[in-house]
Amino acid sequence: MKTISDRIFELLKERGMSQKEFAQRTGIAESSISDWKKKKTNPVSDKILIISEVLGVSPYYLLSGAEHRGERSRENMLYVISKDSELGILIETYQSLETGMQKKLQGYLEALADLNKSEE
């Protein structure tokens, strides 16, 4: 079974990208990238998004080796959201609320969505 680092090095080869260029574009130290190859280790999880972006593949592909394609694939049920983004802050705030308040907020959102539909 291929590891994440195996897929990264295959993608680098396919794209004709050197480890040095990859390091520059991702901001990952060349020594870390070399360790993935020599020591058969994988990148830390917080680097997966930038690696995926630089290599032009989805994080799902990088982690699993499978791409979400075609009608037989399952719908992607996950989002990757930065905690610093507006949506990330909204989610953090929502999670800090008590359950009753979360349910009220969900009700407000549903009412706003219905109102938005009726105005279209």
PDB file of N, CA and C in Angstrom:
ATOM      1  N   MET A   1       0.836  -1.176   0.000  1.00  0.00           N
ATOM      2  CA  MET A   1       0.000   0.000   0.000  1.00  0.00           C
ATOM      3  C   MET A   1       0.888   1.250   0.000  1.00  0.00           C
ATOM      4  N   LYS A   2       0.551   2.199  -0.819  1.00  0.00           N
ATOM      5  CA  LYS A   2       1.348   3.419  -0.928  1.00  0.00           C
ATOM      6  C   LYS A   2       1.071   4.352   0.246  1.00  0.00           C
ATOM      7  N   THR A   3       2.117   5.022   0.666  1.00  0.00           N
ATOM      8  CA  THR A   3       1.985   6.013   1.728  1.00  0.00           C
ATOM      9  C   THR A   3       1.746   7.385   1.103  1.00  0.00           C
ATOM     10  N   ILE A   4       1.447   8.343   1.943  1.00  0.00           N
ATOM     11  CA  ILE A   4       1.269   9.712   1.473  1.00  0.00           C
ATOM     12  C   ILE A   4       2.554  10.191   0.799  1.00  0.00           C
ATOM     13  N   SER A   5       3.681   9.927   1.440  1.00  0.00           N
ATOM     14  CA  SER A   5       4.958  10.382   0.863  1.00  0.00           C
ATOM     15  C   SER A   5       5.233   9.684  -0.473  1.00  0.00           C
ATOM     16  N   ASP A   6       4.849   8.408  -0.611  1.00  0.00           N
ATOM     17  CA  ASP A   6       5.007   7.729  -1.903  1.00  0.00           C
ATOM     18  C   ASP A   6       4.235   8.483  -2.988  1.00  0.00           C
ATOM     19  N   ARG A   7       2.988   8.869  -2.667  1.00  0.00           N
ATOM     20  CA  ARG A   7       2.173   9.589  -3.644  1.00  0.00           C
ATOM     21  C   ARG A   7       2.786  10.954  -3.968  1.00  0.00           C
ATOM     22  N   ILE A   8       3.325  11.622  -2.955  1.00  0.00           N
ATOM     23  CA  ILE A   8       3.948  12.927  -3.194  1.00  0.00           C
ATOM     24  C   ILE A   8       5.105  12.795  -4.174  1.00  0.00           C
ATOM     25  N   PHE A   9       5.991  11.811  -3.952  1.00  0.00           N
ATOM     26  CA  PHE A   9       7.151  11.664  -4.833  1.00  0.00           C
ATOM     27  C   PHE A   9       6.750  11.228  -6.234  1.00  0.00           C
ATOM     28  N   GLU A  10       5.692  10.422  -6.351  1.00  0.00           N
ATOM     29  CA  GLU A  10       5.176  10.072  -7.687  1.00  0.00           C
ATOM     30  C   GLU A  10       4.670  11.316  -8.411  1.00  0.00           C
ATOM     31  N   LEU A  11       3.929  12.151  -7.684  1.00  0.00           N
ATOM     32  CA  LEU A  11       3.385  13.373  -8.279  1.00  0.00           C
ATOM     33  C   LEU A  11       4.500  14.346  -8.667  1.00  0.00           C
ATOM     34  N   LEU A  12       5.524  14.441  -7.834  1.00  0.00           N
ATOM     35  CA  LEU A  12       6.660  15.299  -8.171  1.00  0.00           C
ATOM     36  C   LEU A  12       7.302  14.838  -9.475  1.00  0.00           C
ATOM     37  N   LYS A  13       7.480  13.530  -9.602  1.00  0.00           N
ATOM     38  CA  LYS A  13       8.089  12.968 -10.811  1.00  0.00           C
ATOM     39  C   LYS A  13       7.200  13.238 -12.026  1.00  0.00           C
ATOM     40  N   GLU A  14       5.886  12.992 -11.888  1.00  0.00           N
ATOM     41  CA  GLU A  14       4.953  13.221 -12.995  1.00  0.00           C
ATOM     42  C   GLU A  14       4.959  14.674 -13.457  1.00  0.00           C
ATOM     43  N   ARG A  15       5.125  15.583 -12.514  1.00  0.00           N
ATOM     44  CA  ARG A  15       5.071  17.003 -12.833  1.00  0.00           C
ATOM     45  C   ARG A  15       6.447  17.600 -13.160  1.00  0.00           C
ATOM     46  N   GLY A  16       7.478  16.766 -13.075  1.00  0.00           N
ATOM     47  CA  GLY A  16       8.819  17.240 -13.351  1.00  0.00           C
ATOM     48  C   GLY A  16       9.281  18.313 -12.373  1.00  0.00           C
ATOM     49  N   MET A  17       8.825  18.199 -11.148  1.00  0.00           N
ATOM     50  CA  MET A  17       9.150  19.194 -10.128  1.00  0.00           C
ATOM     51  C   MET A  17      10.236  18.647  -9.206  1.00  0.00           C
ATOM     52  N   SER A  18      11.272  19.419  -8.985  1.00  0.00           N
ATOM     53  CA  SER A  18      12.346  18.986  -8.086  1.00  0.00           C
ATOM     54  C   SER A  18      11.909  19.148  -6.633  1.00  0.00           C
ATOM     55  N   GLN A  19      12.608  18.448  -5.749  1.00  0.00           N
ATOM     56  CA  GLN A  19      12.320  18.588  -4.327  1.00  0.00           C
ATOM     57  C   GLN A  19      12.586  20.014  -3.864  1.00  0.00           C
ATOM     58  N   LYS A  20      13.598  20.637  -4.456  1.00  0.00           N
ATOM     59  CA  LYS A  20      13.938  22.016  -4.100  1.00  0.00           C
ATOM     60  C   LYS A  20      12.799  22.966  -4.470  1.00  0.00           C
ATOM     61  N   GLU A  21      12.285  22.832  -5.696  1.00  0.00           N
ATOM     62  CA  GLU A  21      11.170  23.680  -6.134  1.00  0.00           C
ATOM     63  C   GLU A  21       9.946  23.432  -5.263  1.00  0.00           C
ATOM     64  N   PHE A  22       9.683  22.154  -4.981  1.00  0.00           N
ATOM     65  CA  PHE A  22       8.555  21.781  -4.131  1.00  0.00           C
ATOM     66  C   PHE A  22       8.697  22.430  -2.753  1.00  0.00           C
ATOM     67  N   ALA A  23       9.888  22.385  -2.199  1.00  0.00           N
ATOM     68  CA  ALA A  23      10.157  22.997  -0.887  1.00  0.00           C
ATOM     69  C   ALA A  23       9.889  24.498  -0.924  1.00  0.00           C
ATOM     70  N   GLN A  24      10.338  25.151  -1.986  1.00  0.00           N
ATOM     71  CA  GLN A  24      10.139  26.597  -2.122  1.00  0.00           C
ATOM     72  C   GLN A  24       8.659  26.950  -2.235  1.00  0.00           C
ATOM     73  N   ARG A  25       7.927  26.160  -3.004  1.00  0.00           N
ATOM     74  CA  ARG A  25       6.510  26.459  -3.238  1.00  0.00           C
ATOM     75  C   ARG A  25       5.627  26.130  -2.042  1.00  0.00           C
ATOM     76  N   THR A  26       6.037  25.164  -1.215  1.00  0.00           N
ATOM     77  CA  THR A  26       5.229  24.779  -0.060  1.00  0.00           C
ATOM     78  C   THR A  26       5.683  25.426   1.239  1.00  0.00           C
ATOM     79  N   GLY A  27       6.937  25.901   1.264  1.00  0.00           N
ATOM     80  CA  GLY A  27       7.471  26.442   2.506  1.00  0.00           C
ATOM     81  C   GLY A  27       7.922  25.368   3.477  1.00  0.00           C
ATOM     82  N   ILE A  28       8.047  24.142   2.984  1.00  0.00           N
ATOM     83  CA  ILE A  28       8.499  23.011   3.807  1.00  0.00           C
ATOM     84  C   ILE A  28      10.001  22.861   3.618  1.00  0.00           C
ATOM     85  N   ALA A  29      10.703  22.639   4.701  1.00  0.00           N
ATOM     86  CA  ALA A  29      12.161  22.504   4.639  1.00  0.00           C
ATOM     87  C   ALA A  29      12.554  21.318   3.755  1.00  0.00           C
ATOM     88  N   GLU A  30      13.593  21.520   2.948  1.00  0.00           N
ATOM     89  CA  GLU A  30      14.083  20.433   2.085  1.00  0.00           C
ATOM     90  C   GLU A  30      14.484  19.218   2.904  1.00  0.00           C
ATOM     91  N   SER A  31      15.030  19.440   4.096  1.00  0.00           N
ATOM     92  CA  SER A  31      15.441  18.324   4.951  1.00  0.00           C
ATOM     93  C   SER A  31      14.239  17.475   5.377  1.00  0.00           C
ATOM     94  N   SER A  32      13.097  18.115   5.608  1.00  0.00           N
ATOM     95  CA  SER A  32      11.880  17.369   5.961  1.00  0.00           C
ATOM     96  C   SER A  32      11.428  16.510   4.794  1.00  0.00           C
ATOM     97  N   ILE A  33      11.479  17.095   3.598  1.00  0.00           N
ATOM     98  CA  ILE A  33      11.064  16.360   2.397  1.00  0.00           C
ATOM     99  C   ILE A  33      11.998  15.170   2.176  1.00  0.00           C
ATOM    100  N   SER A  34      13.289  15.366   2.361  1.00  0.00           N
ATOM    101  CA  SER A  34      14.256  14.268   2.229  1.00  0.00           C
ATOM    102  C   SER A  34      13.981  13.173   3.249  1.00  0.00           C
ATOM    103  N   ASP A  35      13.611  13.573   4.470  1.00  0.00           N
ATOM    104  CA  ASP A  35      13.300  12.589   5.506  1.00  0.00           C
ATOM    105  C   ASP A  35      12.117  11.705   5.117  1.00  0.00           C
ATOM    106  N   TRP A  36      11.135  12.297   4.429  1.00  0.00           N
ATOM    107  CA  TRP A  36       9.990  11.497   3.996  1.00  0.00           C
ATOM    108  C   TRP A  36      10.458  10.345   3.129  1.00  0.00           C
ATOM    109  N   LYS A  37      11.418  10.616   2.271  1.00  0.00           N
ATOM    110  CA  LYS A  37      11.912   9.607   1.345  1.00  0.00           C
ATOM    111  C   LYS A  37      12.842   8.627   2.046  1.00  0.00           C
ATOM    112  N   LYS A  38      13.810   9.151   2.781  1.00  0.00           N
ATOM    113  CA  LYS A  38      14.822   8.304   3.427  1.00  0.00           C
ATOM    114  C   LYS A  38      14.255   7.476   4.575  1.00  0.00           C
ATOM    115  N   LYS A  39      13.464   8.120   5.414  1.00  0.00           N
ATOM    116  CA  LYS A  39      12.976   7.457   6.626  1.00  0.00           C
ATOM    117  C   LYS A  39      11.573   6.883   6.461  1.00  0.00           C
ATOM    118  N   LYS A  40      11.017   7.032   5.255  1.00  0.00           N
ATOM    119  CA  LYS A  40       9.667   6.529   4.964  1.00  0.00           C
ATOM    120  C   LYS A  40       8.639   7.094   5.933  1.00  0.00           C
ATOM    121  N   THR A  41       8.757   8.400   6.191  1.00  0.00           N
ATOM    122  CA  THR A  41       7.782   9.073   7.047  1.00  0.00           C
ATOM    123  C   THR A  41       6.831   9.880   6.172  1.00  0.00           C
ATOM    124  N   ASN A  42       5.828  10.451   6.782  1.00  0.00           N
ATOM    125  CA  ASN A  42       4.845  11.255   6.067  1.00  0.00           C
ATOM    126  C   ASN A  42       4.847  12.678   6.602  1.00  0.00           C
ATOM    127  N   PRO A  43       4.354  13.624   5.798  1.00  0.00           N
ATOM    128  CA  PRO A  43       4.282  15.007   6.271  1.00  0.00           C
ATOM    129  C   PRO A  43       3.293  15.139   7.426  1.00  0.00           C
ATOM    130  N   VAL A  44       3.489  16.176   8.227  1.00  0.00           N
ATOM    131  CA  VAL A  44       2.538  16.436   9.308  1.00  0.00           C
ATOM    132  C   VAL A  44       1.223  16.907   8.707  1.00  0.00           C
ATOM    133  N   SER A  45       0.148  16.675   9.426  1.00  0.00           N
ATOM    134  CA  SER A  45      -1.190  16.923   8.891  1.00  0.00           C
ATOM    135  C   SER A  45      -1.438  18.364   8.481  1.00  0.00           C
ATOM    136  N   ASP A  46      -0.833  19.337   9.165  1.00  0.00           N
ATOM    137  CA  ASP A  46      -1.119  20.725   8.807  1.00  0.00           C
ATOM    138  C   ASP A  46      -0.474  21.150   7.494  1.00  0.00           C
ATOM    139  N   LYS A  47       0.317  20.277   6.876  1.00  0.00           N
ATOM    140  CA  LYS A  47       0.942  20.589   5.583  1.00  0.00           C
ATOM    141  C   LYS A  47       0.186  19.977   4.403  1.00  0.00           C
ATOM    142  N   ILE A  48      -0.782  19.127   4.676  1.00  0.00           N
ATOM    143  CA  ILE A  48      -1.503  18.413   3.614  1.00  0.00           C
ATOM    144  C   ILE A  48      -2.189  19.370   2.635  1.00  0.00           C
ATOM    145  N   LEU A  49      -2.813  20.422   3.131  1.00  0.00           N
ATOM    146  CA  LEU A  49      -3.527  21.336   2.234  1.00  0.00           C
ATOM    147  C   LEU A  49      -2.591  22.054   1.273  1.00  0.00           C
ATOM    148  N   ILE A  50      -1.484  22.575   1.768  1.00  0.00           N
ATOM    149  CA  ILE A  50      -0.559  23.289   0.884  1.00  0.00           C
ATOM    150  C   ILE A  50       0.094  22.321  -0.104  1.00  0.00           C
ATOM    151  N   ILE A  51       0.402  21.117   0.346  1.00  0.00           N
ATOM    152  CA  ILE A  51       0.985  20.110  -0.548  1.00  0.00           C
ATOM    153  C   ILE A  51      -0.013  19.784  -1.663  1.00  0.00           C
ATOM    154  N   SER A  52      -1.276  19.571  -1.287  1.00  0.00           N
ATOM    155  CA  SER A  52      -2.315  19.267  -2.276  1.00  0.00           C
ATOM    156  C   SER A  52      -2.465  20.387  -3.287  1.00  0.00           C
ATOM    157  N   GLU A  53      -2.438  21.618  -2.792  1.00  0.00           N
ATOM    158  CA  GLU A  53      -2.588  22.777  -3.672  1.00  0.00           C
ATOM    159  C   GLU A  53      -1.426  22.876  -4.652  1.00  0.00           C
ATOM    160  N   VAL A  54      -0.208  22.724  -4.161  1.00  0.00           N
ATOM    161  CA  VAL A  54       0.979  22.836  -5.016  1.00  0.00           C
ATOM    162  C   VAL A  54       1.012  21.713  -6.054  1.00  0.00           C
ATOM    163  N   LEU A  55       0.590  20.518  -5.664  1.00  0.00           N
ATOM    164  CA  LEU A  55       0.638  19.378  -6.575  1.00  0.00           C
ATOM    165  C   LEU A  55      -0.619  19.258  -7.446  1.00  0.00           C
ATOM    166  N   GLY A  56      -1.621  20.074  -7.162  1.00  0.00           N
ATOM    167  CA  GLY A  56      -2.831  20.072  -7.988  1.00  0.00           C
ATOM    168  C   GLY A  56      -3.703  18.848  -7.805  1.00  0.00           C
ATOM    169  N   VAL A  57      -3.736  18.317  -6.593  1.00  0.00           N
ATOM    170  CA  VAL A  57      -4.599  17.179  -6.289  1.00  0.00           C
ATOM    171  C   VAL A  57      -5.418  17.504  -5.044  1.00  0.00           C
ATOM    172  N   SER A  58      -6.448  16.731  -4.809  1.00  0.00           N
ATOM    173  CA  SER A  58      -7.257  16.953  -3.615  1.00  0.00           C
ATOM    174  C   SER A  58      -6.568  16.346  -2.395  1.00  0.00           C
ATOM    175  N   PRO A  59      -6.834  16.884  -1.215  1.00  0.00           N
ATOM    176  CA  PRO A  59      -6.307  16.261   0.002  1.00  0.00           C
ATOM    177  C   PRO A  59      -6.773  14.805   0.113  1.00  0.00           C
ATOM    178  N   TYR A  60      -7.992  14.544  -0.360  1.00  0.00           N
ATOM    179  CA  TYR A  60      -8.534  13.185  -0.327  1.00  0.00           C
ATOM    180  C   TYR A  60      -7.639  12.237  -1.132  1.00  0.00           C
ATOM    181  N   TYR A  61      -7.214  12.684  -2.313  1.00  0.00           N
ATOM    182  CA  TYR A  61      -6.324  11.851  -3.123  1.00  0.00           C
ATOM    183  C   TYR A  61      -5.001  11.634  -2.411  1.00  0.00           C
ATOM    184  N   LEU A  62      -4.450  12.693  -1.878  1.00  0.00           N
ATOM    185  CA  LEU A  62      -3.151  12.600  -1.208  1.00  0.00           C
ATOM    186  C   LEU A  62      -3.209  11.615  -0.039  1.00  0.00           C
ATOM    187  N   LEU A  63      -4.294  11.650   0.709  1.00  0.00           N
ATOM    188  CA  LEU A  63      -4.426  10.785   1.883  1.00  0.00           C
ATOM    189  C   LEU A  63      -4.816   9.351   1.536  1.00  0.00           C
ATOM    190  N   SER A  64      -5.636   9.187   0.492  1.00  0.00           N
ATOM    191  CA  SER A  64      -6.174   7.852   0.212  1.00  0.00           C
ATOM    192  C   SER A  64      -5.689   7.230  -1.087  1.00  0.00           C
ATOM    193  N   GLY A  65      -5.244   8.048  -2.021  1.00  0.00           N
ATOM    194  CA  GLY A  65      -4.857   7.534  -3.327  1.00  0.00           C
ATOM    195  C   GLY A  65      -6.026   7.411  -4.284  1.00  0.00           C
ATOM    196  N   ALA A  66      -7.209   7.801  -3.849  1.00  0.00           N
ATOM    197  CA  ALA A  66      -8.398   7.716  -4.700  1.00  0.00           C
ATOM    198  C   ALA A  66      -8.946   9.118  -4.925  1.00  0.00           C
ATOM    199  N   GLU A  67      -9.429   9.356  -6.111  1.00  0.00           N
ATOM    200  CA  GLU A  67     -10.037  10.647  -6.429  1.00  0.00           C
ATOM    201  C   GLU A  67     -11.537  10.465  -6.415  1.00  0.00           C
ATOM    202  N   HIS A  68     -12.232  11.479  -6.026  1.00  0.00           N
ATOM    203  CA  HIS A  68     -13.698  11.476  -6.022  1.00  0.00           C
ATOM    204  C   HIS A  68     -14.164  11.840  -7.422  1.00  0.00           C
ATOM    205  N   ARG A  69     -14.548  10.838  -8.190  1.00  0.00           N
ATOM    206  CA  ARG A  69     -14.976  11.068  -9.575  1.00  0.00           C
ATOM    207  C   ARG A  69     -16.141  10.168  -9.922  1.00  0.00           C
ATOM    208  N   GLY A  70     -16.902  10.600 -10.898  1.00  0.00           N
ATOM    209  CA  GLY A  70     -17.939   9.766 -11.482  1.00  0.00           C
ATOM    210  C   GLY A  70     -19.160   9.610 -10.607  1.00  0.00           C
ATOM    211  N   GLU A  71     -20.132   8.905 -11.156  1.00  0.00           N
ATOM    212  CA  GLU A  71     -21.412   8.740 -10.478  1.00  0.00           C
ATOM    213  C   GLU A  71     -21.353   7.704  -9.365  1.00  0.00           C
ATOM    214  N   ARG A  72     -20.400   6.794  -9.418  1.00  0.00           N
ATOM    215  CA  ARG A  72     -20.346   5.727  -8.423  1.00  0.00           C
ATOM    216  C   ARG A  72     -19.642   6.161  -7.150  1.00  0.00           C
ATOM    217  N   SER A  73     -18.953   7.289  -7.189  1.00  0.00           N
ATOM    218  CA  SER A  73     -18.256   7.776  -6.007  1.00  0.00           C
ATOM    219  C   SER A  73     -19.254   8.331  -5.005  1.00  0.00           C
ATOM    220  N   ARG A  74     -18.863   8.264  -3.756  1.00  0.00           N
ATOM    221  CA  ARG A  74     -19.696   8.849  -2.724  1.00  0.00           C
ATOM    222  C   ARG A  74     -19.465  10.353  -2.706  1.00  0.00           C
ATOM    223  N   GLU A  75     -20.498  11.059  -2.292  1.00  0.00           N
ATOM    224  CA  GLU A  75     -20.369  12.504  -2.157  1.00  0.00           C
ATOM    225  C   GLU A  75     -19.415  12.809  -1.014  1.00  0.00           C
ATOM    226  N   ASN A  76     -18.575  13.806  -1.212  1.00  0.00           N
ATOM    227  CA  ASN A  76     -17.648  14.207  -0.165  1.00  0.00           C
ATOM    228  C   ASN A  76     -18.450  14.833   0.967  1.00  0.00           C
ATOM    229  N   MET A  77     -18.285  14.305   2.171  1.00  0.00           N
ATOM    230  CA  MET A  77     -19.047  14.780   3.317  1.00  0.00           C
ATOM    231  C   MET A  77     -18.193  15.614   4.271  1.00  0.00           C
ATOM    232  N   LEU A  78     -17.019  16.041   3.836  1.00  0.00           N
ATOM    233  CA  LEU A  78     -16.126  16.788   4.700  1.00  0.00           C
ATOM    234  C   LEU A  78     -15.727  18.105   4.058  1.00  0.00           C
ATOM    235  N   TYR A  79     -15.477  19.100   4.897  1.00  0.00           N
ATOM    236  CA  TYR A  79     -14.924  20.372   4.469  1.00  0.00           C
ATOM    237  C   TYR A  79     -13.653  20.611   5.253  1.00  0.00           C
ATOM    238  N   VAL A  80     -12.698  21.249   4.641  1.00  0.00           N
ATOM    239  CA  VAL A  80     -11.498  21.690   5.339  1.00  0.00           C
ATOM    240  C   VAL A  80     -11.584  23.206   5.389  1.00  0.00           C
ATOM    241  N   ILE A  81     -11.665  23.731   6.617  1.00  0.00           N
ATOM    242  CA  ILE A  81     -11.888  25.157   6.809  1.00  0.00           C
ATOM    243  C   ILE A  81     -10.830  25.702   7.754  1.00  0.00           C
ATOM    244  N   SER A  82     -10.229  26.786   7.398  1.00  0.00           N
ATOM    245  CA  SER A  82      -9.252  27.437   8.267  1.00  0.00           C
ATOM    246  C   SER A  82      -9.965  28.039   9.475  1.00  0.00           C
ATOM    247  N   LYS A  83      -9.411  27.835  10.657  1.00  0.00           N
ATOM    248  CA  LYS A  83      -9.999  28.411  11.866  1.00  0.00           C
ATOM    249  C   LYS A  83      -9.984  29.933  11.830  1.00  0.00           C
ATOM    250  N   ASP A  84      -9.058  30.509  11.080  1.00  0.00           N
ATOM    251  CA  ASP A  84      -8.928  31.960  11.012  1.00  0.00           C
ATOM    252  C   ASP A  84      -9.893  32.600  10.017  1.00  0.00           C
ATOM    253  N   SER A  85     -10.558  31.790   9.210  1.00  0.00           N
ATOM    254  CA  SER A  85     -11.478  32.340   8.217  1.00  0.00           C
ATOM    255  C   SER A  85     -12.785  32.752   8.894  1.00  0.00           C
ATOM    256  N   GLU A  86     -13.576  33.524   8.174  1.00  0.00           N
ATOM    257  CA  GLU A  86     -14.878  33.959   8.696  1.00  0.00           C
ATOM    258  C   GLU A  86     -15.741  32.754   9.057  1.00  0.00           C
ATOM    259  N   LEU A  87     -15.746  31.750   8.193  1.00  0.00           N
ATOM    260  CA  LEU A  87     -16.533  30.551   8.455  1.00  0.00           C
ATOM    261  C   LEU A  87     -15.968  29.762   9.639  1.00  0.00           C
ATOM    262  N   GLY A  88     -14.642  29.694   9.736  1.00  0.00           N
ATOM    263  CA  GLY A  88     -14.017  29.007  10.865  1.00  0.00           C
ATOM    264  C   GLY A  88     -14.377  29.652  12.188  1.00  0.00           C
ATOM    265  N   ILE A  89     -14.370  30.987  12.213  1.00  0.00           N
ATOM    266  CA  ILE A  89     -14.733  31.720  13.431  1.00  0.00           C
ATOM    267  C   ILE A  89     -16.203  31.486  13.766  1.00  0.00           C
ATOM    268  N   LEU A  90     -17.045  31.460  12.743  1.00  0.00           N
ATOM    269  CA  LEU A  90     -18.464  31.190  12.949  1.00  0.00           C
ATOM    270  C   LEU A  90     -18.671  29.805  13.561  1.00  0.00           C
ATOM    271  N   ILE A  91     -17.965  28.824  13.057  1.00  0.00           N
ATOM    272  CA  ILE A  91     -18.090  27.456  13.576  1.00  0.00           C
ATOM    273  C   ILE A  91     -17.596  27.380  15.018  1.00  0.00           C
ATOM    274  N   GLU A  92     -16.464  28.015  15.303  1.00  0.00           N
ATOM    275  CA  GLU A  92     -15.936  28.035  16.675  1.00  0.00           C
ATOM    276  C   GLU A  92     -16.960  28.652  17.630  1.00  0.00           C
ATOM    277  N   THR A  93     -17.567  29.756  17.214  1.00  0.00           N
ATOM    278  CA  THR A  93     -18.564  30.431  18.050  1.00  0.00           C
ATOM    279  C   THR A  93     -19.772  29.538  18.261  1.00  0.00           C
ATOM    280  N   TYR A  94     -20.239  28.912  17.184  1.00  0.00           N
ATOM    281  CA  TYR A  94     -21.380  27.987  17.274  1.00  0.00           C
ATOM    282  C   TYR A  94     -21.091  26.863  18.265  1.00  0.00           C
ATOM    283  N   GLN A  95     -19.900  26.287  18.164  1.00  0.00           N
ATOM    284  CA  GLN A  95     -19.547  25.173  19.041  1.00  0.00           C
ATOM    285  C   GLN A  95     -19.435  25.588  20.504  1.00  0.00           C
ATOM    286  N   SER A  96     -19.189  26.857  20.756  1.00  0.00           N
ATOM    287  CA  SER A  96     -19.075  27.317  22.137  1.00  0.00           C
ATOM    288  C   SER A  96     -20.442  27.550  22.790  1.00  0.00           C
ATOM    289  N   LEU A  97     -21.507  27.552  21.982  1.00  0.00           N
ATOM    290  CA  LEU A  97     -22.853  27.778  22.505  1.00  0.00           C
ATOM    291  C   LEU A  97     -23.411  26.523  23.168  1.00  0.00           C
ATOM    292  N   GLU A  98     -24.324  26.734  24.112  1.00  0.00           N
ATOM    293  CA  GLU A  98     -25.040  25.604  24.718  1.00  0.00           C
ATOM    294  C   GLU A  98     -25.974  25.004  23.669  1.00  0.00           C
ATOM    295  N   THR A  99     -26.361  23.758  23.858  1.00  0.00           N
ATOM    296  CA  THR A  99     -27.184  23.040  22.881  1.00  0.00           C
ATOM    297  C   THR A  99     -28.466  23.785  22.540  1.00  0.00           C
ATOM    298  N   GLY A 100     -29.132  24.333  23.533  1.00  0.00           N
ATOM    299  CA  GLY A 100     -30.373  25.069  23.283  1.00  0.00           C
ATOM    300  C   GLY A 100     -30.156  26.258  22.378  1.00  0.00           C
ATOM    301  N   MET A 101     -29.060  26.973  22.595  1.00  0.00           N
ATOM    302  CA  MET A 101     -28.742  28.127  21.757  1.00  0.00           C
ATOM    303  C   MET A 101     -28.379  27.695  20.345  1.00  0.00           C
ATOM    304  N   GLN A 102     -27.694  26.552  20.214  1.00  0.00           N
ATOM    305  CA  GLN A 102     -27.363  26.031  18.884  1.00  0.00           C
ATOM    306  C   GLN A 102     -28.643  25.728  18.104  1.00  0.00           C
ATOM    307  N   LYS A 103     -29.630  25.129  18.787  1.00  0.00           N
ATOM    308  CA  LYS A 103     -30.893  24.801  18.123  1.00  0.00           C
ATOM    309  C   LYS A 103     -31.630  26.067  17.691  1.00  0.00           C
ATOM    310  N   LYS A 104     -31.609  27.106  18.536  1.00  0.00           N
ATOM    311  CA  LYS A 104     -32.227  28.378  18.157  1.00  0.00           C
ATOM    312  C   LYS A 104     -31.543  28.960  16.920  1.00  0.00           C
ATOM    313  N   LEU A 105     -30.225  28.934  16.927  1.00  0.00           N
ATOM    314  CA  LEU A 105     -29.472  29.460  15.795  1.00  0.00           C
ATOM    315  C   LEU A 105     -29.793  28.690  14.514  1.00  0.00           C
ATOM    316  N   GLN A 106     -29.918  27.365  14.629  1.00  0.00           N
ATOM    317  CA  GLN A 106     -30.285  26.560  13.459  1.00  0.00           C
ATOM    318  C   GLN A 106     -31.662  26.975  12.943  1.00  0.00           C
ATOM    319  N   GLY A 107     -32.581  27.241  13.861  1.00  0.00           N
ATOM    320  CA  GLY A 107     -33.916  27.706  13.472  1.00  0.00           C
ATOM    321  C   GLY A 107     -33.857  29.042  12.753  1.00  0.00           C
ATOM    322  N   TYR A 108     -33.049  29.968  13.273  1.00  0.00           N
ATOM    323  CA  TYR A 108     -32.879  31.271  12.623  1.00  0.00           C
ATOM    324  C   TYR A 108     -32.312  31.102  11.214  1.00  0.00           C
ATOM    325  N   LEU A 109     -31.318  30.246  11.084  1.00  0.00           N
ATOM    326  CA  LEU A 109     -30.704  30.019   9.771  1.00  0.00           C
ATOM    327  C   LEU A 109     -31.711  29.448   8.780  1.00  0.00           C
ATOM    328  N   GLU A 110     -32.530  28.499   9.229  1.00  0.00           N
ATOM    329  CA  GLU A 110     -33.550  27.925   8.351  1.00  0.00           C
ATOM    330  C   GLU A 110     -34.556  28.996   7.933  1.00  0.00           C
ATOM    331  N   ALA A 111     -34.950  29.856   8.874  1.00  0.00           N
ATOM    332  CA  ALA A 111     -35.897  30.928   8.558  1.00  0.00           C
ATOM    333  C   ALA A 111     -35.284  31.907   7.559  1.00  0.00           C
ATOM    334  N   LEU A 112     -34.015  32.253   7.747  1.00  0.00           N
ATOM    335  CA  LEU A 112     -33.329  33.152   6.808  1.00  0.00           C
ATOM    336  C   LEU A 112     -33.212  32.525   5.426  1.00  0.00           C
ATOM    337  N   ALA A 113     -32.922  31.219   5.378  1.00  0.00           N
ATOM    338  CA  ALA A 113     -32.818  30.531   4.086  1.00  0.00           C
ATOM    339  C   ALA A 113     -34.168  30.538   3.376  1.00  0.00           C
ATOM    340  N   ASP A 114     -35.262  30.296   4.125  1.00  0.00           N
ATOM    341  CA  ASP A 114     -36.599  30.324   3.535  1.00  0.00           C
ATOM    342  C   ASP A 114     -36.942  31.719   3.036  1.00  0.00           C
ATOM    343  N   LEU A 115     -36.591  32.742   3.828  1.00  0.00           N
ATOM    344  CA  LEU A 115     -36.832  34.125   3.442  1.00  0.00           C
ATOM    345  C   LEU A 115     -36.054  34.468   2.175  1.00  0.00           C
ATOM    346  N   ASN A 116     -34.844  34.006   2.096  1.00  0.00           N
ATOM    347  CA  ASN A 116     -33.989  34.247   0.929  1.00  0.00           C
ATOM    348  C   ASN A 116     -34.581  33.612  -0.316  1.00  0.00           C
ATOM    349  N   LYS A 117     -35.128  32.395  -0.169  1.00  0.00           N
ATOM    350  CA  LYS A 117     -35.743  31.698  -1.309  1.00  0.00           C
ATOM    351  C   LYS A 117     -36.973  32.437  -1.805  1.00  0.00           C
ATOM    352  N   SER A 118     -37.776  32.956  -0.867  1.00  0.00           N
ATOM    353  CA  SER A 118     -39.012  33.633  -1.262  1.00  0.00           C
ATOM    354  C   SER A 118     -38.720  34.985  -1.941  1.00  0.00           C
ATOM    355  N   GLU A 119     -37.548  35.570  -1.656  1.00  0.00           N
ATOM    356  CA  GLU A 119     -37.196  36.850  -2.278  1.00  0.00           C
ATOM    357  C   GLU A 119     -36.586  36.679  -3.655  1.00  0.00           C
ATOM    358  N   GLU A 120     -36.202  35.463  -4.019  1.00  0.00           N
ATOM    359  CA  GLU A 120     -35.559  35.224  -5.328  1.00  0.00           C
ATOM    360  C   GLU A 120     -36.535  35.183  -6.458  1.00  0.00           C
TER     361      GLU A 120
END
